[in-house]
Every structure is written in structure tokens, then in C-alpha cells.
Amino acid sequence: MFIMKTEKRVCLGIFPNMNIEKVRVCLNTVLALCDKYDITVVLPGELADTWGRERFSGKDSRLDAAVSLGGDGSFLRMAREMVKINVPVFGINFGHLGFLAEIEFEGMEQALAFLAAGIFTTEKRHLLQAQVVSGGKKIVRGALAINEFVAARGNLSTINYMELLINGKSSGRYAADGLIVATATGSTAYSLSAGGPLVQPEVDVMVITPICAHSLSARPLVIPATEEVSIRLLPVNTSSMVLSADGIAISEIGQQDIVTITRNRKSMRLIRLIDRSYYETWQEKLIRDM
């Protein structure tokens, strides 16, 4: 939907990845542009003190929007926190592909001008949550993923033997390095690298993709996000696995453990400030060498 301009001054949380040299160099330019377009800036931690700006509190009801400066990894780290306080997000890309942080540096001024004027759209992106049950006890509860959960081997010299269950029914057994359970948004991330399909990001589905499966019959699955997906190790498995969310390890998975993944009730609100379809983005990012 389109957000119409109001008299209220926009309050923007800026979350820069200061490990990237170009971000460190250009942060002053970003802040100057915010001043130019009368945008109130909130920065995290000591950056706020360094640049004389308001400090992000962690539960900041002042924010109208939040932006990451970096790549898609920077965007995901910021967005996971903003989802908790229902703040819409966008990213300015200082990384490589930038499917999520899709605004390039050259288009930054126009994007900030549009934000200040209220000229943008928002989209809801579906999220996943996971729990891990070990010995009848929940050792992980409500872990959140924007792109994907990955259950993968911890020992690089062994193969994992896993069973996939959908709604409690056995739906496949895999000898593979691991399994990816992705959102439609995450279909352009790890799942794509492992041979998964491209999915229009607003489609309400899960994409289940085996990683380096030792079988020609192992293929990605696309199922409704309303289903419940579970992963457990088969008895023949000789080592534990690791569950990660958007690239962050959250739990070890042992022989008697069960990982259950479902759709989260919350959604990520993504701000779109440029007039470009996903199909154009795919063409630019993935097929540009043709």
C-alpha cells in the first residue's frame, strides 16, 4: 500500500555495518542527507554519541522506519530486531548482490527524499519460527528466521542421515550435508545456491532444499507455509548437527532431538522506495552475465 505524507517528521533508525570501509567513509554523507530532508536520525550505541544523534533504546517506539547500511547480512541482523517492535525496514546496499538491501548507493538520496515525502510502498514478508525438543524439553523456543533455517552437519567429514516430516507424517529421508527450510524471501539466498527454486517473495510458502544430497531423486519441495515441518536424525547418523537461523547458529541437534518449523505469526514490513519488480531484480542480479 502507499503511505501518504503527513506533517510528522520522519524518525529513521540507521544501523551501519562499520566493518565495511565504504560504510565508515559514507556514513557522514548519509547523515547529511537525512538533515537535508529533515529526517530525525537514531543510531545504535556509541555511534549515537560520536555523531551527536539520538540513541536507539532497543524498544524504540519513536522509529517510523529503519535502514541498514551494508549487505544482506547487515539487513537481516537489523530486520530481526525491528520485527520485534514492528518497525518497517529497508536497506542500502554496500555489499554484493543485495536482494534485500536493494537500494544502491547511487540511489540513496532519492530513496531518502521519497521516504521523507511519504512516497513508498510496504510489503509484508512471511517469517518462520523453530523450536528444538530434546528429551521432552524445549531447548529452543520461538527462534525467528527471515530467510531460512538450516540443519547441517557440524563435522565436515561425515554425511547426515535425516528424516523429514510434514504435519507429523514421514515425507522423505535424506543422506546429505543438511536441509534448508526457507521462506519465499529466502529463496534467493542459501536455498538458491543449493539448487532450490526462485519464488516470488510475497508467496506464502516454505521451500525445503537438501544440501549436497547423495541421491539423484532428492529434489526441493515447495509447500504451503501453513504446514508444520519437522527434522530428526536417523539412528544410523554418527554425529550431531547444528541448527542455524539466517546464518546464525542457535542450537546443536542430537540423536533424540526434533526440530519443528512453522510460520511465525509476525511478519517483516519491507519498505519499497524504488519502482522495480522482482522479475527485473532477478534479471539484474542473477542473469546479468547472459
C-alpha atoms as a PDB file:
ATOM      1  CA  MET A   1       0.000   0.000   0.000  1.00  0.00           C
ATOM      2  CA  PHE A   2       1.091   3.602  -0.477  1.00  0.00           C
ATOM      3  CA  ILE A   3       1.882   5.633   2.617  1.00  0.00           C
ATOM      4  CA  MET A   4       0.722   9.211   2.298  1.00  0.00           C
ATOM      5  CA  LYS A   5       2.772  12.128   3.535  1.00  0.00           C
ATOM      6  CA  THR A   6       1.911  13.592   6.933  1.00  0.00           C
ATOM      7  CA  GLU A   7       3.184  16.642   8.778  1.00  0.00           C
ATOM      8  CA  LYS A   8       5.101  14.413  11.190  1.00  0.00           C
ATOM      9  CA  ARG A   9       8.869  14.468  10.765  1.00  0.00           C
ATOM     10  CA  VAL A  10      10.170  11.000   9.868  1.00  0.00           C
ATOM     11  CA  CYS A  11      12.266   9.298  12.560  1.00  0.00           C
ATOM     12  CA  LEU A  12      14.728   6.881  10.986  1.00  0.00           C
ATOM     13  CA  GLY A  13      16.899   4.313  12.736  1.00  0.00           C
ATOM     14  CA  ILE A  14      20.199   3.874  10.880  1.00  0.00           C
ATOM     15  CA  PHE A  15      22.155   0.666  11.505  1.00  0.00           C
ATOM     16  CA  PRO A  16      25.525   0.783   9.720  1.00  0.00           C
ATOM     17  CA  ASN A  17      27.914  -2.137   9.386  1.00  0.00           C
ATOM     18  CA  MET A  18      31.069  -0.344  10.467  1.00  0.00           C
ATOM     19  CA  ASN A  19      33.197  -3.337   9.469  1.00  0.00           C
ATOM     20  CA  ILE A  20      32.739  -2.230   5.852  1.00  0.00           C
ATOM     21  CA  GLU A  21      35.159   0.526   4.879  1.00  0.00           C
ATOM     22  CA  LYS A  22      32.791   2.187   2.416  1.00  0.00           C
ATOM     23  CA  VAL A  23      30.129   2.415   5.130  1.00  0.00           C
ATOM     24  CA  ARG A  24      32.587   4.100   7.509  1.00  0.00           C
ATOM     25  CA  VAL A  25      33.559   6.569   4.784  1.00  0.00           C
ATOM     26  CA  CYS A  26      29.997   7.323   3.666  1.00  0.00           C
ATOM     27  CA  LEU A  27      28.148   7.465   6.991  1.00  0.00           C
ATOM     28  CA  ASN A  28      28.649  11.213   7.232  1.00  0.00           C
ATOM     29  CA  THR A  29      27.106  11.605   3.758  1.00  0.00           C
ATOM     30  CA  VAL A  30      24.065   9.562   4.815  1.00  0.00           C
ATOM     31  CA  LEU A  31      23.590  11.702   7.925  1.00  0.00           C
ATOM     32  CA  ALA A  32      23.960  14.907   5.922  1.00  0.00           C
ATOM     33  CA  LEU A  33      21.262  13.750   3.506  1.00  0.00           C
ATOM     34  CA  CYS A  34      18.941  12.972   6.407  1.00  0.00           C
ATOM     35  CA  ASP A  35      19.476  16.507   7.688  1.00  0.00           C
ATOM     36  CA  LYS A  36      18.814  17.873   4.190  1.00  0.00           C
ATOM     37  CA  TYR A  37      15.446  16.112   4.047  1.00  0.00           C
ATOM     38  CA  ASP A  38      14.525  16.901   7.669  1.00  0.00           C
ATOM     39  CA  ILE A  39      14.740  13.263   8.861  1.00  0.00           C
ATOM     40  CA  THR A  40      15.388  12.638  12.561  1.00  0.00           C
ATOM     41  CA  VAL A  41      18.192  10.081  12.954  1.00  0.00           C
ATOM     42  CA  VAL A  42      18.551   7.457  15.670  1.00  0.00           C
ATOM     43  CA  LEU A  43      21.840   5.492  15.854  1.00  0.00           C
ATOM     44  CA  PRO A  44      22.863   2.449  17.905  1.00  0.00           C
ATOM     45  CA  GLY A  45      25.184   2.563  20.916  1.00  0.00           C
ATOM     46  CA  GLU A  46      28.301   4.686  20.891  1.00  0.00           C
ATOM     47  CA  LEU A  47      27.731   5.776  17.293  1.00  0.00           C
ATOM     48  CA  ALA A  48      24.921   7.987  18.551  1.00  0.00           C
ATOM     49  CA  ASP A  49      27.293   9.738  20.952  1.00  0.00           C
ATOM     50  CA  THR A  50      30.054  10.013  18.350  1.00  0.00           C
ATOM     51  CA  TRP A  51      27.788  11.652  15.778  1.00  0.00           C
ATOM     52  CA  GLY A  52      25.652  13.650  18.221  1.00  0.00           C
ATOM     53  CA  ARG A  53      22.429  11.801  17.424  1.00  0.00           C
ATOM     54  CA  GLU A  54      19.675  10.168  19.436  1.00  0.00           C
ATOM     55  CA  ARG A  55      20.480   6.704  20.775  1.00  0.00           C
ATOM     56  CA  PHE A  56      18.480   3.582  19.873  1.00  0.00           C
ATOM     57  CA  SER A  57      16.966   2.085  23.013  1.00  0.00           C
ATOM     58  CA  GLY A  58      16.166  -1.447  21.790  1.00  0.00           C
ATOM     59  CA  LYS A  59      12.426  -0.923  22.287  1.00  0.00           C
ATOM     60  CA  ASP A  60      12.178   2.328  20.397  1.00  0.00           C
ATOM     61  CA  SER A  61       8.601   3.398  19.696  1.00  0.00           C
ATOM     62  CA  ARG A  62       9.845   6.612  18.050  1.00  0.00           C
ATOM     63  CA  LEU A  63      11.012   4.907  14.872  1.00  0.00           C
ATOM     64  CA  ASP A  64       8.933   5.263  11.724  1.00  0.00           C
ATOM     65  CA  ALA A  65      11.428   3.181   9.747  1.00  0.00           C
ATOM     66  CA  ALA A  66      14.865   1.563   9.987  1.00  0.00           C
ATOM     67  CA  VAL A  67      17.619   1.205   7.399  1.00  0.00           C
ATOM     68  CA  SER A  68      20.745  -0.933   7.274  1.00  0.00           C
ATOM     69  CA  LEU A  69      23.959   0.211   5.620  1.00  0.00           C
ATOM     70  CA  GLY A  70      25.795  -2.874   4.372  1.00  0.00           C
ATOM     71  CA  GLY A  71      24.858  -6.065   2.570  1.00  0.00           C
ATOM     72  CA  ASP A  72      22.040  -8.540   3.018  1.00  0.00           C
ATOM     73  CA  GLY A  73      23.671  -9.915   6.171  1.00  0.00           C
ATOM     74  CA  SER A  74      23.585  -6.466   7.755  1.00  0.00           C
ATOM     75  CA  PHE A  75      19.975  -6.093   6.683  1.00  0.00           C
ATOM     76  CA  LEU A  76      18.967  -9.428   8.236  1.00  0.00           C
ATOM     77  CA  ARG A  77      20.613  -8.624  11.576  1.00  0.00           C
ATOM     78  CA  MET A  78      18.774  -5.307  11.741  1.00  0.00           C
ATOM     79  CA  ALA A  79      15.448  -6.642  10.483  1.00  0.00           C
ATOM     80  CA  ARG A  80      15.312  -9.468  13.047  1.00  0.00           C
ATOM     81  CA  GLU A  81      15.353  -6.810  15.790  1.00  0.00           C
ATOM     82  CA  MET A  82      12.924  -4.470  14.046  1.00  0.00           C
ATOM     83  CA  VAL A  83      10.352  -7.237  13.562  1.00  0.00           C
ATOM     84  CA  LYS A  84      10.109  -7.490  17.363  1.00  0.00           C
ATOM     85  CA  ILE A  85       8.998  -3.844  17.615  1.00  0.00           C
ATOM     86  CA  ASN A  86       7.032  -3.768  14.347  1.00  0.00           C
ATOM     87  CA  VAL A  87       9.201  -1.168  12.589  1.00  0.00           C
ATOM     88  CA  PRO A  88       9.253  -1.245   8.756  1.00  0.00           C
ATOM     89  CA  VAL A  89      12.700  -1.692   7.193  1.00  0.00           C
ATOM     90  CA  PHE A  90      14.792  -1.177   4.083  1.00  0.00           C
ATOM     91  CA  GLY A  91      18.454  -1.488   3.196  1.00  0.00           C
ATOM     92  CA  ILE A  92      21.096   0.488   1.325  1.00  0.00           C
ATOM     93  CA  ASN A  93      23.483  -1.918  -0.333  1.00  0.00           C
ATOM     94  CA  PHE A  94      27.223  -1.605   0.326  1.00  0.00           C
ATOM     95  CA  GLY A  95      27.728  -5.332  -0.265  1.00  0.00           C
ATOM     96  CA  HIS A  96      27.452  -7.558  -3.318  1.00  0.00           C
ATOM     97  CA  LEU A  97      24.138  -8.871  -4.704  1.00  0.00           C
ATOM     98  CA  GLY A  98      21.773  -7.047  -2.359  1.00  0.00           C
ATOM     99  CA  PHE A  99      18.439  -8.819  -2.824  1.00  0.00           C
ATOM    100  CA  LEU A 100      17.156  -7.435   0.478  1.00  0.00           C
ATOM    101  CA  ALA A 101      19.321  -4.318   0.804  1.00  0.00           C
ATOM    102  CA  GLU A 102      18.328  -3.409  -2.725  1.00  0.00           C
ATOM    103  CA  ILE A 103      18.920   0.364  -2.816  1.00  0.00           C
ATOM    104  CA  GLU A 104      22.325   1.069  -4.301  1.00  0.00           C
ATOM    105  CA  PHE A 105      24.496   3.912  -3.016  1.00  0.00           C
ATOM    106  CA  GLU A 106      23.863   5.941  -6.172  1.00  0.00           C
ATOM    107  CA  GLY A 107      20.109   5.900  -5.493  1.00  0.00           C
ATOM    108  CA  MET A 108      20.364   6.682  -1.793  1.00  0.00           C
ATOM    109  CA  GLU A 109      19.487  10.390  -1.962  1.00  0.00           C
ATOM    110  CA  GLN A 110      16.360   9.782  -4.000  1.00  0.00           C
ATOM    111  CA  ALA A 111      15.311   6.995  -1.628  1.00  0.00           C
ATOM    112  CA  LEU A 112      15.684   9.231   1.435  1.00  0.00           C
ATOM    113  CA  ALA A 113      13.807  12.044  -0.312  1.00  0.00           C
ATOM    114  CA  PHE A 114      10.953   9.646  -1.090  1.00  0.00           C
ATOM    115  CA  LEU A 115      10.946   8.381   2.495  1.00  0.00           C
ATOM    116  CA  ALA A 116      10.702  11.921   3.864  1.00  0.00           C
ATOM    117  CA  ALA A 117       7.884  12.724   1.420  1.00  0.00           C
ATOM    118  CA  GLY A 118       5.980   9.527   2.185  1.00  0.00           C
ATOM    119  CA  ILE A 119       6.346   8.218  -1.365  1.00  0.00           C
ATOM    120  CA  PHE A 120       6.831   4.483  -0.912  1.00  0.00           C
ATOM    121  CA  THR A 121       5.055   1.172  -0.581  1.00  0.00           C
ATOM    122  CA  THR A 122       5.264  -1.522   2.082  1.00  0.00           C
ATOM    123  CA  GLU A 123       5.121  -5.271   1.731  1.00  0.00           C
ATOM    124  CA  LYS A 124       4.614  -7.977   4.306  1.00  0.00           C
ATOM    125  CA  ARG A 125       7.172 -10.781   4.200  1.00  0.00           C
ATOM    126  CA  HIS A 126       6.345 -14.064   5.894  1.00  0.00           C
ATOM    127  CA  LEU A 127       8.655 -15.375   8.631  1.00  0.00           C
ATOM    128  CA  LEU A 128       9.420 -18.789  10.103  1.00  0.00           C
ATOM    129  CA  GLN A 129       9.923 -19.912  13.675  1.00  0.00           C
ATOM    130  CA  ALA A 130      11.592 -23.028  15.071  1.00  0.00           C
ATOM    131  CA  GLN A 131      11.687 -24.999  18.272  1.00  0.00           C
ATOM    132  CA  VAL A 132      14.009 -27.822  19.266  1.00  0.00           C
ATOM    133  CA  VAL A 133      12.787 -30.511  21.654  1.00  0.00           C
ATOM    134  CA  SER A 134      15.390 -32.679  23.410  1.00  0.00           C
ATOM    135  CA  GLY A 135      14.396 -35.376  25.865  1.00  0.00           C
ATOM    136  CA  GLY A 136      10.881 -33.985  26.060  1.00  0.00           C
ATOM    137  CA  LYS A 137      12.130 -30.481  26.924  1.00  0.00           C
ATOM    138  CA  LYS A 138      12.134 -27.449  24.633  1.00  0.00           C
ATOM    139  CA  ILE A 139      15.731 -26.264  24.437  1.00  0.00           C
ATOM    140  CA  VAL A 140      14.941 -23.717  21.704  1.00  0.00           C
ATOM    141  CA  ARG A 141      11.602 -21.950  21.578  1.00  0.00           C
ATOM    142  CA  GLY A 142      10.389 -19.430  19.009  1.00  0.00           C
ATOM    143  CA  ALA A 143      13.659 -18.828  17.139  1.00  0.00           C
ATOM    144  CA  LEU A 144      12.958 -16.492  14.197  1.00  0.00           C
ATOM    145  CA  ALA A 145      14.134 -16.659  10.577  1.00  0.00           C
ATOM    146  CA  ILE A 146      13.581 -14.168   7.765  1.00  0.00           C
ATOM    147  CA  ASN A 147      15.450 -16.137   5.091  1.00  0.00           C
ATOM    148  CA  GLU A 148      15.869 -19.698   6.312  1.00  0.00           C
ATOM    149  CA  PHE A 149      16.583 -22.303   8.922  1.00  0.00           C
ATOM    150  CA  VAL A 150      19.400 -24.711   8.101  1.00  0.00           C
ATOM    151  CA  ALA A 151      20.042 -28.056   9.759  1.00  0.00           C
ATOM    152  CA  ALA A 152      23.539 -29.001   8.656  1.00  0.00           C
ATOM    153  CA  ARG A 153      26.446 -31.166   9.651  1.00  0.00           C
ATOM    154  CA  GLY A 154      28.870 -29.983  12.270  1.00  0.00           C
ATOM    155  CA  ASN A 155      31.539 -32.483  11.212  1.00  0.00           C
ATOM    156  CA  LEU A 156      32.617 -31.810   7.638  1.00  0.00           C
ATOM    157  CA  SER A 157      33.924 -35.367   7.158  1.00  0.00           C
ATOM    158  CA  THR A 158      30.570 -37.104   7.676  1.00  0.00           C
ATOM    159  CA  ILE A 159      27.206 -37.366   5.924  1.00  0.00           C
ATOM    160  CA  ASN A 160      23.987 -36.643   7.778  1.00  0.00           C
ATOM    161  CA  TYR A 161      21.077 -39.059   7.646  1.00  0.00           C
ATOM    162  CA  MET A 162      17.828 -37.237   8.307  1.00  0.00           C
ATOM    163  CA  GLU A 163      14.098 -37.748   8.167  1.00  0.00           C
ATOM    164  CA  LEU A 164      11.711 -35.001   7.057  1.00  0.00           C
ATOM    165  CA  LEU A 165       8.191 -34.996   8.471  1.00  0.00           C
ATOM    166  CA  ILE A 166       5.353 -32.758   7.282  1.00  0.00           C
ATOM    167  CA  ASN A 167       2.414 -32.460   9.666  1.00  0.00           C
ATOM    168  CA  GLY A 168       3.838 -35.389  11.614  1.00  0.00           C
ATOM    169  CA  LYS A 169       3.945 -37.721   8.581  1.00  0.00           C
ATOM    170  CA  SER A 170       7.226 -39.026   7.192  1.00  0.00           C
ATOM    171  CA  SER A 171       7.835 -37.235   3.893  1.00  0.00           C
ATOM    172  CA  GLY A 172      11.362 -38.212   2.965  1.00  0.00           C
ATOM    173  CA  ARG A 173      14.727 -39.486   4.124  1.00  0.00           C
ATOM    174  CA  TYR A 174      17.954 -37.834   3.100  1.00  0.00           C
ATOM    175  CA  ALA A 175      21.648 -38.635   3.077  1.00  0.00           C
ATOM    176  CA  ALA A 176      23.008 -35.117   2.678  1.00  0.00           C
ATOM    177  CA  ASP A 177      25.053 -32.350   4.230  1.00  0.00           C
ATOM    178  CA  GLY A 178      21.822 -30.860   5.555  1.00  0.00           C
ATOM    179  CA  LEU A 179      18.377 -29.441   4.864  1.00  0.00           C
ATOM    180  CA  ILE A 180      17.301 -25.855   4.257  1.00  0.00           C
ATOM    181  CA  VAL A 181      13.789 -24.692   5.151  1.00  0.00           C
ATOM    182  CA  ALA A 182      13.382 -21.257   3.587  1.00  0.00           C
ATOM    183  CA  THR A 183      10.757 -18.573   3.215  1.00  0.00           C
ATOM    184  CA  ALA A 184       9.894 -17.243  -0.225  1.00  0.00           C
ATOM    185  CA  THR A 185      12.094 -14.245   0.654  1.00  0.00           C
ATOM    186  CA  GLY A 186      14.953 -16.644   1.370  1.00  0.00           C
ATOM    187  CA  SER A 187      14.582 -18.459  -1.935  1.00  0.00           C
ATOM    188  CA  THR A 188      17.278 -16.185  -3.410  1.00  0.00           C
ATOM    189  CA  ALA A 189      19.747 -16.975  -0.606  1.00  0.00           C
ATOM    190  CA  TYR A 190      21.288 -20.300   0.527  1.00  0.00           C
ATOM    191  CA  SER A 191      18.412 -22.319  -0.941  1.00  0.00           C
ATOM    192  CA  LEU A 192      19.162 -20.965  -4.413  1.00  0.00           C
ATOM    193  CA  SER A 193      22.849 -21.877  -4.072  1.00  0.00           C
ATOM    194  CA  ALA A 194      21.814 -25.426  -3.127  1.00  0.00           C
ATOM    195  CA  GLY A 195      19.632 -25.806  -6.223  1.00  0.00           C
ATOM    196  CA  GLY A 196      16.306 -24.522  -4.901  1.00  0.00           C
ATOM    197  CA  PRO A 197      13.745 -22.610  -6.986  1.00  0.00           C
ATOM    198  CA  LEU A 198      13.225 -18.875  -7.240  1.00  0.00           C
ATOM    199  CA  VAL A 199       9.948 -17.934  -5.552  1.00  0.00           C
ATOM    200  CA  GLN A 200       8.120 -14.607  -5.734  1.00  0.00           C
ATOM    201  CA  PRO A 201       8.819 -13.283  -2.214  1.00  0.00           C
ATOM    202  CA  GLU A 202       5.236 -12.492  -1.201  1.00  0.00           C
ATOM    203  CA  VAL A 203       4.059 -16.071  -1.812  1.00  0.00           C
ATOM    204  CA  ASP A 204       3.181 -17.775   1.485  1.00  0.00           C
ATOM    205  CA  VAL A 205       5.253 -20.948   1.191  1.00  0.00           C
ATOM    206  CA  MET A 206       8.184 -22.857   2.628  1.00  0.00           C
ATOM    207  CA  VAL A 207      10.950 -24.110   0.346  1.00  0.00           C
ATOM    208  CA  ILE A 208      12.685 -27.282   1.537  1.00  0.00           C
ATOM    209  CA  THR A 209      16.034 -27.855  -0.181  1.00  0.00           C
ATOM    210  CA  PRO A 210      18.559 -30.647   0.528  1.00  0.00           C
ATOM    211  CA  ILE A 211      22.213 -29.622   0.647  1.00  0.00           C
ATOM    212  CA  CYS A 212      24.537 -31.831  -1.442  1.00  0.00           C
ATOM    213  CA  ALA A 213      22.193 -34.830  -1.291  1.00  0.00           C
ATOM    214  CA  HIS A 214      23.703 -38.229  -2.098  1.00  0.00           C
ATOM    215  CA  SER A 215      20.761 -39.181  -4.330  1.00  0.00           C
ATOM    216  CA  LEU A 216      19.606 -38.097  -7.761  1.00  0.00           C
ATOM    217  CA  SER A 217      15.996 -38.362  -6.576  1.00  0.00           C
ATOM    218  CA  ALA A 218      16.349 -35.733  -3.838  1.00  0.00           C
ATOM    219  CA  ARG A 219      14.623 -32.600  -5.087  1.00  0.00           C
ATOM    220  CA  PRO A 220      13.491 -29.329  -3.499  1.00  0.00           C
ATOM    221  CA  LEU A 221       9.919 -29.132  -2.207  1.00  0.00           C
ATOM    222  CA  VAL A 222       7.615 -26.113  -2.151  1.00  0.00           C
ATOM    223  CA  ILE A 223       4.795 -26.453   0.376  1.00  0.00           C
ATOM    224  CA  PRO A 224       2.231 -24.115   1.965  1.00  0.00           C
ATOM    225  CA  ALA A 225       3.646 -22.151   4.902  1.00  0.00           C
ATOM    226  CA  THR A 226       0.669 -23.321   6.961  1.00  0.00           C
ATOM    227  CA  GLU A 227       2.241 -26.789   7.204  1.00  0.00           C
ATOM    228  CA  GLU A 228       4.413 -27.999  10.096  1.00  0.00           C
ATOM    229  CA  VAL A 229       7.874 -29.241   9.135  1.00  0.00           C
ATOM    230  CA  SER A 230       9.979 -31.425  11.427  1.00  0.00           C
ATOM    231  CA  ILE A 231      13.531 -32.735  11.042  1.00  0.00           C
ATOM    232  CA  ARG A 232      15.141 -35.514  13.053  1.00  0.00           C
ATOM    233  CA  LEU A 233      18.296 -37.568  12.733  1.00  0.00           C
ATOM    234  CA  LEU A 234      18.041 -41.212  11.735  1.00  0.00           C
ATOM    235  CA  PRO A 235      19.622 -43.823  14.068  1.00  0.00           C
ATOM    236  CA  VAL A 236      22.390 -44.519  11.538  1.00  0.00           C
ATOM    237  CA  ASN A 237      23.666 -40.953  11.952  1.00  0.00           C
ATOM    238  CA  THR A 238      27.030 -40.873  13.722  1.00  0.00           C
ATOM    239  CA  SER A 239      27.330 -37.195  14.712  1.00  0.00           C
ATOM    240  CA  SER A 240      25.242 -34.239  15.772  1.00  0.00           C
ATOM    241  CA  MET A 241      24.075 -31.393  13.544  1.00  0.00           C
ATOM    242  CA  VAL A 242      23.739 -27.644  14.015  1.00  0.00           C
ATOM    243  CA  LEU A 243      20.569 -25.601  13.525  1.00  0.00           C
ATOM    244  CA  SER A 244      21.097 -22.040  12.292  1.00  0.00           C
ATOM    245  CA  ALA A 245      18.716 -19.155  11.583  1.00  0.00           C
ATOM    246  CA  ASP A 246      19.726 -16.726   8.825  1.00  0.00           C
ATOM    247  CA  GLY A 247      23.325 -17.892   9.161  1.00  0.00           C
ATOM    248  CA  ILE A 248      23.483 -17.657  12.971  1.00  0.00           C
ATOM    249  CA  ALA A 249      23.969 -20.949  14.846  1.00  0.00           C
ATOM    250  CA  ILE A 250      21.307 -21.361  17.536  1.00  0.00           C
ATOM    251  CA  SER A 251      21.429 -24.993  18.683  1.00  0.00           C
ATOM    252  CA  GLU A 252      23.100 -28.360  18.359  1.00  0.00           C
ATOM    253  CA  ILE A 253      20.812 -31.181  17.192  1.00  0.00           C
ATOM    254  CA  GLY A 254      21.401 -34.606  18.730  1.00  0.00           C
ATOM    255  CA  GLN A 255      20.060 -38.100  18.093  1.00  0.00           C
ATOM    256  CA  GLN A 256      16.846 -37.764  20.102  1.00  0.00           C
ATOM    257  CA  ASP A 257      16.139 -34.137  19.199  1.00  0.00           C
ATOM    258  CA  ILE A 258      13.325 -32.928  16.971  1.00  0.00           C
ATOM    259  CA  VAL A 259      13.379 -29.594  15.117  1.00  0.00           C
ATOM    260  CA  THR A 260       9.919 -28.232  14.300  1.00  0.00           C
ATOM    261  CA  ILE A 261       9.475 -25.292  11.923  1.00  0.00           C
ATOM    262  CA  THR A 262       6.258 -23.352  11.359  1.00  0.00           C
ATOM    263  CA  ARG A 263       5.192 -19.948  10.097  1.00  0.00           C
ATOM    264  CA  ASN A 264       5.580 -17.145  12.606  1.00  0.00           C
ATOM    265  CA  ARG A 265       2.531 -15.009  13.324  1.00  0.00           C
ATOM    266  CA  LYS A 266       4.571 -11.838  12.858  1.00  0.00           C
ATOM    267  CA  SER A 267       5.745 -10.544   9.511  1.00  0.00           C
ATOM    268  CA  MET A 268       8.522  -8.277   8.325  1.00  0.00           C
ATOM    269  CA  ARG A 269       7.332  -4.981   6.865  1.00  0.00           C
ATOM    270  CA  LEU A 270       9.610  -4.136   3.954  1.00  0.00           C
ATOM    271  CA  ILE A 271       9.673  -0.595   2.570  1.00  0.00           C
ATOM    272  CA  ARG A 272       9.956  -0.333  -1.209  1.00  0.00           C
ATOM    273  CA  LEU A 273      11.341   3.017  -2.382  1.00  0.00           C
ATOM    274  CA  ILE A 274      12.230   2.141  -5.961  1.00  0.00           C
ATOM    275  CA  ASP A 275       9.913   1.214  -8.801  1.00  0.00           C
ATOM    276  CA  ARG A 276      11.363  -2.117  -9.835  1.00  0.00           C
ATOM    277  CA  SER A 277       9.681  -5.517  -9.932  1.00  0.00           C
ATOM    278  CA  TYR A 278      11.182  -8.701  -8.536  1.00  0.00           C
ATOM    279  CA  TYR A 279      11.465 -10.076 -12.034  1.00  0.00           C
ATOM    280  CA  GLU A 280      13.665  -7.134 -13.036  1.00  0.00           C
ATOM    281  CA  THR A 281      15.723  -7.653  -9.873  1.00  0.00           C
ATOM    282  CA  TRP A 282      16.235 -11.336 -10.676  1.00  0.00           C
ATOM    283  CA  GLN A 283      17.274 -10.427 -14.200  1.00  0.00           C
ATOM    284  CA  GLU A 284      19.772  -7.831 -12.959  1.00  0.00           C
ATOM    285  CA  LYS A 285      21.226  -9.830 -10.068  1.00  0.00           C
ATOM    286  CA  LEU A 286      21.226 -13.394 -11.400  1.00  0.00           C
ATOM    287  CA  ILE A 287      21.146 -13.366 -15.194  1.00  0.00           C
ATOM    288  CA  ARG A 288      23.365 -10.377 -15.853  1.00  0.00           C
ATOM    289  CA  ASP A 289      26.154 -12.495 -17.376  1.00  0.00           C
ATOM    290  CA  MET A 290      23.925 -13.765 -20.210  1.00  0.00           C
END
